[in-house]
Amino acid sequence: MTGTFELFIDEDTSFRFRLKAPDGTVVAVSRSFPDKPAAVSGISDVREYAGMGLIADLCPEVPVHGSSPALPAPGARQGLRSSTDRRTEGPKPTTVAPQRTTATGSYRPAAPLRVRVGSELHKVA
């Protein structure tokens, strides 16, 4: 599967090139060049850089499964619960942020949210 580099003149009468996928999708558009030889040299550079180029992930961390359900503020209902409720409640559920790998810049999914069966978070609407 190969792409195609297309040389063209932009609205400012500068030379540019675009890289198109086999299906015609424009994958990349170059900066402007003063003349055709400079644009051709730019294509040569892109071929060299892209072949063995490393991936630098500059994206912010994004949760894999969306945000966790909202929990009530600590102590908000404390006066309404009995002491037996507090003993059997167990630990609060926690989430773990995704961990990025250094080789490809991708990330592994976050650990699943652990919820005790029968708790408020376990109920399905």
Foldseek 3Di string as FASTA:
>chain_A
DAWDWDWDQDPVRFIKIFIADPVGHTDGIGDTDRDDVVRVVVVVVCVVCVVPPADDDPDDFDAPPHDADDDDDPPPCVVVDDPVCVVPQDDDWDKDGWDADDRHRHTDHIDDTDDDPPDPSNDDD
